[in-house]
Amino acid sequence: MGKQDIIHASYDGQSNLEHIKSPAEIRAMYVKSCAEYKKLMQQRVDPREQRVMLYAEIHVLAWILGKSEQQMQRDISV
């Protein structure tokens, strides 16, 4: 098996990249992330790293959905 065979064997016409999500999928991810963030904030321990990562994800999803910073803050407030 040569170099070209390996290249063609690994590329079967499908990309390993994810496809663009639909607005409904993004909205569902946003709602789920907000619920996870609220649940995380109600715990007695402070998982700072997880909280920061989840907040960043929510911030990006809110930006994609066209939500303002204030609306995002309202959505994640406990």
PDB file of N, CA and C in Angstrom:
ATOM      1  N   MET A   1       0.857  -1.172   0.000  1.00  0.00           N
ATOM      2  CA  MET A   1       0.000   0.000   0.000  1.00  0.00           C
ATOM      3  C   MET A   1       0.900   1.230   0.000  1.00  0.00           C
ATOM      4  N   GLY A   2       0.715   2.064  -0.988  1.00  0.00           N
ATOM      5  CA  GLY A   2       1.532   3.254  -1.115  1.00  0.00           C
ATOM      6  C   GLY A   2       0.893   4.465  -0.462  1.00  0.00           C
ATOM      7  N   LYS A   3       1.590   5.573  -0.568  1.00  0.00           N
ATOM      8  CA  LYS A   3       1.121   6.829   0.027  1.00  0.00           C
ATOM      9  C   LYS A   3      -0.237   7.246  -0.533  1.00  0.00           C
ATOM     10  N   GLN A   4      -0.400   7.147  -1.843  1.00  0.00           N
ATOM     11  CA  GLN A   4      -1.675   7.536  -2.472  1.00  0.00           C
ATOM     12  C   GLN A   4      -2.818   6.623  -2.011  1.00  0.00           C
ATOM     13  N   ASP A   5      -2.529   5.327  -1.836  1.00  0.00           N
ATOM     14  CA  ASP A   5      -3.559   4.393  -1.367  1.00  0.00           C
ATOM     15  C   ASP A   5      -4.038   4.756   0.037  1.00  0.00           C
ATOM     16  N   ILE A   6      -3.102   5.148   0.898  1.00  0.00           N
ATOM     17  CA  ILE A   6      -3.455   5.535   2.269  1.00  0.00           C
ATOM     18  C   ILE A   6      -4.312   6.794   2.244  1.00  0.00           C
ATOM     19  N   ILE A   7      -3.934   7.746   1.418  1.00  0.00           N
ATOM     20  CA  ILE A   7      -4.706   8.996   1.327  1.00  0.00           C
ATOM     21  C   ILE A   7      -6.123   8.706   0.857  1.00  0.00           C
ATOM     22  N   HIS A   8      -6.270   7.890  -0.189  1.00  0.00           N
ATOM     23  CA  HIS A   8      -7.598   7.589  -0.716  1.00  0.00           C
ATOM     24  C   HIS A   8      -8.404   6.697   0.222  1.00  0.00           C
ATOM     25  N   ALA A   9      -7.739   5.837   0.974  1.00  0.00           N
ATOM     26  CA  ALA A   9      -8.434   4.964   1.910  1.00  0.00           C
ATOM     27  C   ALA A   9      -8.981   5.763   3.088  1.00  0.00           C
ATOM     28  N   SER A  10      -8.285   6.817   3.496  1.00  0.00           N
ATOM     29  CA  SER A  10      -8.740   7.604   4.635  1.00  0.00           C
ATOM     30  C   SER A  10      -9.776   8.645   4.244  1.00  0.00           C
ATOM     31  N   TYR A  11      -9.842   8.974   2.954  1.00  0.00           N
ATOM     32  CA  TYR A  11     -10.813   9.961   2.494  1.00  0.00           C
ATOM     33  C   TYR A  11     -11.846   9.262   1.633  1.00  0.00           C
ATOM     34  N   ASP A  12     -13.019   9.098   2.188  1.00  0.00           N
ATOM     35  CA  ASP A  12     -14.069   8.391   1.457  1.00  0.00           C
ATOM     36  C   ASP A  12     -15.160   9.342   0.976  1.00  0.00           C
ATOM     37  N   GLY A  13     -14.832  10.606   0.852  1.00  0.00           N
ATOM     38  CA  GLY A  13     -15.819  11.579   0.388  1.00  0.00           C
ATOM     39  C   GLY A  13     -16.586  12.250   1.508  1.00  0.00           C
ATOM     40  N   GLN A  14     -16.394  11.802   2.721  1.00  0.00           N
ATOM     41  CA  GLN A  14     -17.066  12.409   3.862  1.00  0.00           C
ATOM     42  C   GLN A  14     -16.032  13.101   4.729  1.00  0.00           C
ATOM     43  N   SER A  15     -16.375  14.262   5.169  1.00  0.00           N
ATOM     44  CA  SER A  15     -15.459  15.036   5.998  1.00  0.00           C
ATOM     45  C   SER A  15     -15.660  14.676   7.462  1.00  0.00           C
ATOM     46  N   ASN A  16     -14.607  14.787   8.243  1.00  0.00           N
ATOM     47  CA  ASN A  16     -14.709  14.565   9.680  1.00  0.00           C
ATOM     48  C   ASN A  16     -15.239  15.796  10.400  1.00  0.00           C
ATOM     49  N   LEU A  17     -15.375  16.903   9.662  1.00  0.00           N
ATOM     50  CA  LEU A  17     -15.882  18.126  10.263  1.00  0.00           C
ATOM     51  C   LEU A  17     -17.374  18.011  10.508  1.00  0.00           C
ATOM     52  N   GLU A  18     -17.841  18.673  11.549  1.00  0.00           N
ATOM     53  CA  GLU A  18     -19.261  18.679  11.825  1.00  0.00           C
ATOM     54  C   GLU A  18     -19.969  19.562  10.818  1.00  0.00           C
ATOM     55  N   HIS A  19     -21.211  19.244  10.572  1.00  0.00           N
ATOM     56  CA  HIS A  19     -22.011  20.055   9.674  1.00  0.00           C
ATOM     57  C   HIS A  19     -22.567  21.253  10.433  1.00  0.00           C
ATOM     58  N   ILE A  20     -22.922  22.273   9.713  1.00  0.00           N
ATOM     59  CA  ILE A  20     -23.499  23.469  10.327  1.00  0.00           C
ATOM     60  C   ILE A  20     -24.823  23.091  10.986  1.00  0.00           C
ATOM     61  N   LYS A  21     -24.991  23.549  12.196  1.00  0.00           N
ATOM     62  CA  LYS A  21     -26.210  23.251  12.951  1.00  0.00           C
ATOM     63  C   LYS A  21     -27.343  24.153  12.488  1.00  0.00           C
ATOM     64  N   SER A  22     -28.554  23.645  12.603  1.00  0.00           N
ATOM     65  CA  SER A  22     -29.725  24.445  12.258  1.00  0.00           C
ATOM     66  C   SER A  22     -30.030  25.394  13.423  1.00  0.00           C
ATOM     67  N   PRO A  23     -30.790  26.452  13.161  1.00  0.00           N
ATOM     68  CA  PRO A  23     -31.160  27.368  14.263  1.00  0.00           C
ATOM     69  C   PRO A  23     -31.874  26.651  15.411  1.00  0.00           C
ATOM     70  N   ALA A  24     -32.693  25.653  15.084  1.00  0.00           N
ATOM     71  CA  ALA A  24     -33.395  24.913  16.142  1.00  0.00           C
ATOM     72  C   ALA A  24     -32.410  24.122  17.007  1.00  0.00           C
ATOM     73  N   GLU A  25     -31.398  23.530  16.380  1.00  0.00           N
ATOM     74  CA  GLU A  25     -30.388  22.792  17.134  1.00  0.00           C
ATOM     75  C   GLU A  25     -29.580  23.727  18.020  1.00  0.00           C
ATOM     76  N   ILE A  26     -29.241  24.882  17.509  1.00  0.00           N
ATOM     77  CA  ILE A  26     -28.479  25.861  18.293  1.00  0.00           C
ATOM     78  C   ILE A  26     -29.304  26.345  19.476  1.00  0.00           C
ATOM     79  N   ARG A  27     -30.583  26.621  19.229  1.00  0.00           N
ATOM     80  CA  ARG A  27     -31.468  27.069  20.307  1.00  0.00           C
ATOM     81  C   ARG A  27     -31.594  25.986  21.383  1.00  0.00           C
ATOM     82  N   ALA A  28     -31.710  24.731  20.967  1.00  0.00           N
ATOM     83  CA  ALA A  28     -31.800  23.623  21.928  1.00  0.00           C
ATOM     84  C   ALA A  28     -30.511  23.499  22.738  1.00  0.00           C
ATOM     85  N   MET A  29     -29.369  23.666  22.091  1.00  0.00           N
ATOM     86  CA  MET A  29     -28.088  23.628  22.797  1.00  0.00           C
ATOM     87  C   MET A  29     -28.000  24.773  23.800  1.00  0.00           C
ATOM     88  N   TYR A  30     -28.505  25.943  23.417  1.00  0.00           N
ATOM     89  CA  TYR A  30     -28.482  27.117  24.292  1.00  0.00           C
ATOM     90  C   TYR A  30     -29.338  26.877  25.536  1.00  0.00           C
ATOM     91  N   VAL A  31     -30.545  26.384  25.335  1.00  0.00           N
ATOM     92  CA  VAL A  31     -31.463  26.137  26.459  1.00  0.00           C
ATOM     93  C   VAL A  31     -30.871  25.081  27.394  1.00  0.00           C
ATOM     94  N   LYS A  32     -30.302  24.028  26.819  1.00  0.00           N
ATOM     95  CA  LYS A  32     -29.696  22.968  27.624  1.00  0.00           C
ATOM     96  C   LYS A  32     -28.510  23.504  28.414  1.00  0.00           C
ATOM     97  N   SER A  33     -27.677  24.310  27.785  1.00  0.00           N
ATOM     98  CA  SER A  33     -26.509  24.875  28.461  1.00  0.00           C
ATOM     99  C   SER A  33     -26.925  25.820  29.582  1.00  0.00           C
ATOM    100  N   CYS A  34     -27.962  26.610  29.352  1.00  0.00           N
ATOM    101  CA  CYS A  34     -28.459  27.514  30.405  1.00  0.00           C
ATOM    102  C   CYS A  34     -28.952  26.709  31.602  1.00  0.00           C
ATOM    103  N   ALA A  35     -29.665  25.617  31.342  1.00  0.00           N
ATOM    104  CA  ALA A  35     -30.169  24.767  32.431  1.00  0.00           C
ATOM    105  C   ALA A  35     -29.006  24.138  33.196  1.00  0.00           C
ATOM    106  N   GLU A  36     -27.986  23.686  32.483  1.00  0.00           N
ATOM    107  CA  GLU A  36     -26.804  23.113  33.143  1.00  0.00           C
ATOM    108  C   GLU A  36     -26.093  24.154  33.988  1.00  0.00           C
ATOM    109  N   TYR A  37     -26.005  25.382  33.478  1.00  0.00           N
ATOM    110  CA  TYR A  37     -25.340  26.457  34.206  1.00  0.00           C
ATOM    111  C   TYR A  37     -26.102  26.774  35.493  1.00  0.00           C
ATOM    112  N   LYS A  38     -27.424  26.855  35.399  1.00  0.00           N
ATOM    113  CA  LYS A  38     -28.237  27.124  36.593  1.00  0.00           C
ATOM    114  C   LYS A  38     -28.047  26.026  37.632  1.00  0.00           C
ATOM    115  N   LYS A  39     -28.049  24.776  37.177  1.00  0.00           N
ATOM    116  CA  LYS A  39     -27.865  23.644  38.084  1.00  0.00           C
ATOM    117  C   LYS A  39     -26.486  23.707  38.733  1.00  0.00           C
ATOM    118  N   LEU A  40     -25.472  24.048  37.950  1.00  0.00           N
ATOM    119  CA  LEU A  40     -24.107  24.149  38.451  1.00  0.00           C
ATOM    120  C   LEU A  40     -23.985  25.263  39.491  1.00  0.00           C
ATOM    121  N   MET A  41     -24.664  26.358  39.281  1.00  0.00           N
ATOM    122  CA  MET A  41     -24.590  27.491  40.204  1.00  0.00           C
ATOM    123  C   MET A  41     -25.292  27.193  41.530  1.00  0.00           C
ATOM    124  N   GLN A  42     -26.201  26.240  41.557  1.00  0.00           N
ATOM    125  CA  GLN A  42     -26.922  25.906  42.780  1.00  0.00           C
ATOM    126  C   GLN A  42     -26.171  24.899  43.648  1.00  0.00           C
ATOM    127  N   GLN A  43     -25.093  24.333  43.119  1.00  0.00           N
ATOM    128  CA  GLN A  43     -24.317  23.378  43.898  1.00  0.00           C
ATOM    129  C   GLN A  43     -23.494  24.106  44.940  1.00  0.00           C
ATOM    130  N   ARG A  44     -23.145  23.394  45.988  1.00  0.00           N
ATOM    131  CA  ARG A  44     -22.402  24.020  47.083  1.00  0.00           C
ATOM    132  C   ARG A  44     -20.921  24.161  46.776  1.00  0.00           C
ATOM    133  N   VAL A  45     -20.394  23.311  45.914  1.00  0.00           N
ATOM    134  CA  VAL A  45     -18.978  23.422  45.546  1.00  0.00           C
ATOM    135  C   VAL A  45     -18.837  24.448  44.424  1.00  0.00           C
ATOM    136  N   ASP A  46     -17.607  24.910  44.202  1.00  0.00           N
ATOM    137  CA  ASP A  46     -17.373  25.913  43.168  1.00  0.00           C
ATOM    138  C   ASP A  46     -16.486  25.332  42.072  1.00  0.00           C
ATOM    139  N   PRO A  47     -17.099  24.654  41.090  1.00  0.00           N
ATOM    140  CA  PRO A  47     -16.311  24.114  39.981  1.00  0.00           C
ATOM    141  C   PRO A  47     -16.005  25.224  38.965  1.00  0.00           C
ATOM    142  N   ARG A  48     -15.069  26.084  39.319  1.00  0.00           N
ATOM    143  CA  ARG A  48     -14.795  27.288  38.532  1.00  0.00           C
ATOM    144  C   ARG A  48     -14.496  27.001  37.063  1.00  0.00           C
ATOM    145  N   GLU A  49     -13.635  26.038  36.795  1.00  0.00           N
ATOM    146  CA  GLU A  49     -13.239  25.761  35.419  1.00  0.00           C
ATOM    147  C   GLU A  49     -14.445  25.335  34.578  1.00  0.00           C
ATOM    148  N   GLN A  50     -15.261  24.449  35.126  1.00  0.00           N
ATOM    149  CA  GLN A  50     -16.448  23.988  34.401  1.00  0.00           C
ATOM    150  C   GLN A  50     -17.432  25.135  34.195  1.00  0.00           C
ATOM    151  N   ARG A  51     -17.571  25.982  35.206  1.00  0.00           N
ATOM    152  CA  ARG A  51     -18.486  27.120  35.119  1.00  0.00           C
ATOM    153  C   ARG A  51     -18.039  28.102  34.045  1.00  0.00           C
ATOM    154  N   VAL A  52     -16.741  28.376  33.982  1.00  0.00           N
ATOM    155  CA  VAL A  52     -16.211  29.314  33.000  1.00  0.00           C
ATOM    156  C   VAL A  52     -16.384  28.764  31.587  1.00  0.00           C
ATOM    157  N   MET A  53     -16.113  27.476  31.405  1.00  0.00           N
ATOM    158  CA  MET A  53     -16.263  26.873  30.083  1.00  0.00           C
ATOM    159  C   MET A  53     -17.720  26.883  29.630  1.00  0.00           C
ATOM    160  N   LEU A  54     -18.621  26.569  30.544  1.00  0.00           N
ATOM    161  CA  LEU A  54     -20.042  26.564  30.212  1.00  0.00           C
ATOM    162  C   LEU A  54     -20.539  27.969  29.908  1.00  0.00           C
ATOM    163  N   TYR A  55     -20.069  28.958  30.677  1.00  0.00           N
ATOM    164  CA  TYR A  55     -20.445  30.345  30.431  1.00  0.00           C
ATOM    165  C   TYR A  55     -19.982  30.791  29.046  1.00  0.00           C
ATOM    166  N   ALA A  56     -18.761  30.408  28.670  1.00  0.00           N
ATOM    167  CA  ALA A  56     -18.238  30.772  27.350  1.00  0.00           C
ATOM    168  C   ALA A  56     -19.075  30.144  26.242  1.00  0.00           C
ATOM    169  N   GLU A  57     -19.469  28.891  26.431  1.00  0.00           N
ATOM    170  CA  GLU A  57     -20.311  28.225  25.439  1.00  0.00           C
ATOM    171  C   GLU A  57     -21.656  28.936  25.304  1.00  0.00           C
ATOM    172  N   ILE A  58     -22.251  29.292  26.421  1.00  0.00           N
ATOM    173  CA  ILE A  58     -23.531  29.995  26.408  1.00  0.00           C
ATOM    174  C   ILE A  58     -23.376  31.346  25.712  1.00  0.00           C
ATOM    175  N   HIS A  59     -22.269  32.022  25.984  1.00  0.00           N
ATOM    176  CA  HIS A  59     -22.025  33.336  25.392  1.00  0.00           C
ATOM    177  C   HIS A  59     -21.948  33.231  23.871  1.00  0.00           C
ATOM    178  N   VAL A  60     -21.246  32.232  23.363  1.00  0.00           N
ATOM    179  CA  VAL A  60     -21.121  32.042  21.917  1.00  0.00           C
ATOM    180  C   VAL A  60     -22.467  31.678  21.301  1.00  0.00           C
ATOM    181  N   LEU A  61     -23.208  30.768  21.933  1.00  0.00           N
ATOM    182  CA  LEU A  61     -24.518  30.379  21.411  1.00  0.00           C
ATOM    183  C   LEU A  61     -25.481  31.565  21.405  1.00  0.00           C
ATOM    184  N   ALA A  62     -25.419  32.395  22.448  1.00  0.00           N
ATOM    185  CA  ALA A  62     -26.270  33.586  22.505  1.00  0.00           C
ATOM    186  C   ALA A  62     -25.918  34.540  21.372  1.00  0.00           C
ATOM    187  N   TRP A  63     -24.628  34.687  21.110  1.00  0.00           N
ATOM    188  CA  TRP A  63     -24.182  35.552  20.014  1.00  0.00           C
ATOM    189  C   TRP A  63     -24.691  35.030  18.679  1.00  0.00           C
ATOM    190  N   ILE A  64     -24.618  33.716  18.466  1.00  0.00           N
ATOM    191  CA  ILE A  64     -25.110  33.118  17.216  1.00  0.00           C
ATOM    192  C   ILE A  64     -26.606  33.357  17.066  1.00  0.00           C
ATOM    193  N   LEU A  65     -27.326  33.271  18.177  1.00  0.00           N
ATOM    194  CA  LEU A  65     -28.785  33.464  18.144  1.00  0.00           C
ATOM    195  C   LEU A  65     -29.182  34.934  18.088  1.00  0.00           C
ATOM    196  N   GLY A  66     -28.216  35.832  18.227  1.00  0.00           N
ATOM    197  CA  GLY A  66     -28.507  37.263  18.163  1.00  0.00           C
ATOM    198  C   GLY A  66     -29.052  37.829  19.458  1.00  0.00           C
ATOM    199  N   LYS A  67     -28.781  37.158  20.565  1.00  0.00           N
ATOM    200  CA  LYS A  67     -29.255  37.646  21.866  1.00  0.00           C
ATOM    201  C   LYS A  67     -28.266  38.660  22.420  1.00  0.00           C
ATOM    202  N   SER A  68     -28.788  39.627  23.135  1.00  0.00           N
ATOM    203  CA  SER A  68     -27.934  40.634  23.749  1.00  0.00           C
ATOM    204  C   SER A  68     -27.306  40.058  25.021  1.00  0.00           C
ATOM    205  N   GLU A  69     -26.293  40.741  25.509  1.00  0.00           N
ATOM    206  CA  GLU A  69     -25.629  40.335  26.748  1.00  0.00           C
ATOM    207  C   GLU A  69     -26.619  40.332  27.919  1.00  0.00           C
ATOM    208  N   GLN A  70     -27.484  41.329  27.948  1.00  0.00           N
ATOM    209  CA  GLN A  70     -28.475  41.418  29.027  1.00  0.00           C
ATOM    210  C   GLN A  70     -29.471  40.258  28.968  1.00  0.00           C
ATOM    211  N   GLN A  71     -29.905  39.903  27.765  1.00  0.00           N
ATOM    212  CA  GLN A  71     -30.843  38.793  27.623  1.00  0.00           C
ATOM    213  C   GLN A  71     -30.186  37.482  28.054  1.00  0.00           C
ATOM    214  N   MET A  72     -28.927  37.306  27.701  1.00  0.00           N
ATOM    215  CA  MET A  72     -28.212  36.112  28.092  1.00  0.00           C
ATOM    216  C   MET A  72     -28.099  36.044  29.624  1.00  0.00           C
ATOM    217  N   GLN A  73     -27.782  37.164  30.241  1.00  0.00           N
ATOM    218  CA  GLN A  73     -27.677  37.204  31.696  1.00  0.00           C
ATOM    219  C   GLN A  73     -29.009  36.847  32.351  1.00  0.00           C
ATOM    220  N   ARG A  74     -30.113  37.335  31.790  1.00  0.00           N
ATOM    221  CA  ARG A  74     -31.433  36.997  32.313  1.00  0.00           C
ATOM    222  C   ARG A  74     -31.722  35.509  32.167  1.00  0.00           C
ATOM    223  N   ASP A  75     -31.291  34.937  31.046  1.00  0.00           N
ATOM    224  CA  ASP A  75     -31.558  33.525  30.794  1.00  0.00           C
ATOM    225  C   ASP A  75     -30.805  32.600  31.748  1.00  0.00           C
ATOM    226  N   ILE A  76     -29.615  33.027  32.195  1.00  0.00           N
ATOM    227  CA  ILE A  76     -28.834  32.158  33.073  1.00  0.00           C
ATOM    228  C   ILE A  76     -28.969  32.510  34.544  1.00  0.00           C
ATOM    229  N   SER A  77     -29.687  33.564  34.860  1.00  0.00           N
ATOM    230  CA  SER A  77     -29.816  33.938  36.261  1.00  0.00           C
ATOM    231  C   SER A  77     -30.628  32.887  37.012  1.00  0.00           C
ATOM    232  N   VAL A  78     -30.184  32.616  38.224  1.00  0.00           N
ATOM    233  CA  VAL A  78     -30.805  31.548  39.035  1.00  0.00           C
ATOM    234  C   VAL A  78     -32.026  32.060  39.741  1.00  0.00           C
TER     235      VAL A  78
END
